[in-house]
Amino acid sequence: MKVTLWVIAALFMAIPALIVVIALGPVILGVLCAVGFGLLVFLIVNFFIAIGTGIERAGSRLAHHR
């Protein structure tokens, strides 16, 4: 009888936790997508900055060699 009571108590403790996890699932997924998209934008911007810096340095090297 005590085992049954402990199982029922554990079940009643697990149900609210499960509801919270299910409710926060989309929020966590949204945060992960936002972070991933932010990193993607950061990489693209850094790529173009690197290209611009490379062109500027190559131009200044060519200007000094003339």
C-alpha atoms as a PDB file:
ATOM      1  CA  MET A   1       0.000   0.000   0.000  1.00  0.00           C
ATOM      2  CA  LYS A   2       2.853   2.378   0.777  1.00  0.00           C
ATOM      3  CA  VAL A   3       4.412   1.708  -2.644  1.00  0.00           C
ATOM      4  CA  THR A   4       1.147   2.611  -4.352  1.00  0.00           C
ATOM      5  CA  LEU A   5       0.916   5.792  -2.310  1.00  0.00           C
ATOM      6  CA  TRP A   6       4.509   6.760  -3.229  1.00  0.00           C
ATOM      7  CA  VAL A   7       3.818   6.079  -6.925  1.00  0.00           C
ATOM      8  CA  ILE A   8       0.694   8.236  -6.853  1.00  0.00           C
ATOM      9  CA  ALA A   9       2.569  11.012  -5.011  1.00  0.00           C
ATOM     10  CA  ALA A  10       5.423  10.883  -7.529  1.00  0.00           C
ATOM     11  CA  LEU A  11       2.927  10.983 -10.395  1.00  0.00           C
ATOM     12  CA  PHE A  12       1.210  14.044  -8.966  1.00  0.00           C
ATOM     13  CA  MET A  13       4.622  15.714  -8.553  1.00  0.00           C
ATOM     14  CA  ALA A  14       5.672  14.832 -12.107  1.00  0.00           C
ATOM     15  CA  ILE A  15       2.551  16.092 -13.868  1.00  0.00           C
ATOM     16  CA  PRO A  16       3.104  19.829 -13.106  1.00  0.00           C
ATOM     17  CA  ALA A  17       6.778  19.509 -14.031  1.00  0.00           C
ATOM     18  CA  LEU A  18       5.815  17.866 -17.311  1.00  0.00           C
ATOM     19  CA  ILE A  19       3.292  20.616 -18.034  1.00  0.00           C
ATOM     20  CA  VAL A  20       5.955  23.290 -17.400  1.00  0.00           C
ATOM     21  CA  VAL A  21       8.424  21.512 -19.685  1.00  0.00           C
ATOM     22  CA  ILE A  22       5.823  21.218 -22.449  1.00  0.00           C
ATOM     23  CA  ALA A  23       4.856  24.876 -22.031  1.00  0.00           C
ATOM     24  CA  LEU A  24       8.470  26.099 -22.112  1.00  0.00           C
ATOM     25  CA  GLY A  25       9.473  23.895 -25.045  1.00  0.00           C
ATOM     26  CA  PRO A  26       8.458  26.367 -27.771  1.00  0.00           C
ATOM     27  CA  VAL A  27      10.032  29.230 -25.828  1.00  0.00           C
ATOM     28  CA  ILE A  28      13.344  27.405 -25.550  1.00  0.00           C
ATOM     29  CA  LEU A  29      13.166  26.452 -29.227  1.00  0.00           C
ATOM     30  CA  GLY A  30      12.477  30.075 -30.164  1.00  0.00           C
ATOM     31  CA  VAL A  31      15.431  31.299 -28.119  1.00  0.00           C
ATOM     32  CA  LEU A  32      17.723  28.731 -29.746  1.00  0.00           C
ATOM     33  CA  CYS A  33      16.528  29.752 -33.214  1.00  0.00           C
ATOM     34  CA  ALA A  34      17.072  33.435 -32.412  1.00  0.00           C
ATOM     35  CA  VAL A  35      20.586  32.769 -31.134  1.00  0.00           C
ATOM     36  CA  GLY A  36      21.398  30.659 -34.198  1.00  0.00           C
ATOM     37  CA  PHE A  37      20.068  33.315 -36.567  1.00  0.00           C
ATOM     38  CA  GLY A  38      22.029  35.993 -34.714  1.00  0.00           C
ATOM     39  CA  LEU A  39      25.222  33.974 -35.072  1.00  0.00           C
ATOM     40  CA  LEU A  40      24.528  33.498 -38.780  1.00  0.00           C
ATOM     41  CA  VAL A  41      24.047  37.238 -39.299  1.00  0.00           C
ATOM     42  CA  PHE A  42      27.197  37.911 -37.242  1.00  0.00           C
ATOM     43  CA  LEU A  43      29.234  35.552 -39.442  1.00  0.00           C
ATOM     44  CA  ILE A  44      27.910  37.086 -42.662  1.00  0.00           C
ATOM     45  CA  VAL A  45      28.661  40.637 -41.474  1.00  0.00           C
ATOM     46  CA  ASN A  46      32.157  39.626 -40.364  1.00  0.00           C
ATOM     47  CA  PHE A  47      32.740  37.987 -43.742  1.00  0.00           C
ATOM     48  CA  PHE A  48      31.923  41.218 -45.577  1.00  0.00           C
ATOM     49  CA  ILE A  49      34.022  43.257 -43.147  1.00  0.00           C
ATOM     50  CA  ALA A  50      36.952  40.898 -43.773  1.00  0.00           C
ATOM     51  CA  ILE A  51      36.513  41.253 -47.530  1.00  0.00           C
ATOM     52  CA  GLY A  52      36.394  45.055 -47.215  1.00  0.00           C
ATOM     53  CA  THR A  53      39.471  45.102 -45.015  1.00  0.00           C
ATOM     54  CA  GLY A  54      41.330  42.819 -47.421  1.00  0.00           C
ATOM     55  CA  ILE A  55      40.467  45.017 -50.388  1.00  0.00           C
ATOM     56  CA  GLU A  56      41.537  48.117 -48.462  1.00  0.00           C
ATOM     57  CA  ARG A  57      44.872  46.571 -47.467  1.00  0.00           C
ATOM     58  CA  ALA A  58      45.512  45.294 -50.983  1.00  0.00           C
ATOM     59  CA  GLY A  59      44.730  48.754 -52.339  1.00  0.00           C
ATOM     60  CA  SER A  60      47.103  50.434 -49.900  1.00  0.00           C
ATOM     61  CA  ARG A  61      49.861  47.949 -50.814  1.00  0.00           C
ATOM     62  CA  LEU A  62      49.378  48.684 -54.481  1.00  0.00           C
ATOM     63  CA  ALA A  63      49.398  52.409 -53.823  1.00  0.00           C
ATOM     64  CA  HIS A  64      52.758  52.197 -52.043  1.00  0.00           C
ATOM     65  CA  HIS A  65      54.407  50.167 -54.802  1.00  0.00           C
ATOM     66  CA  ARG A  66      53.759  52.670 -57.588  1.00  0.00           C
END
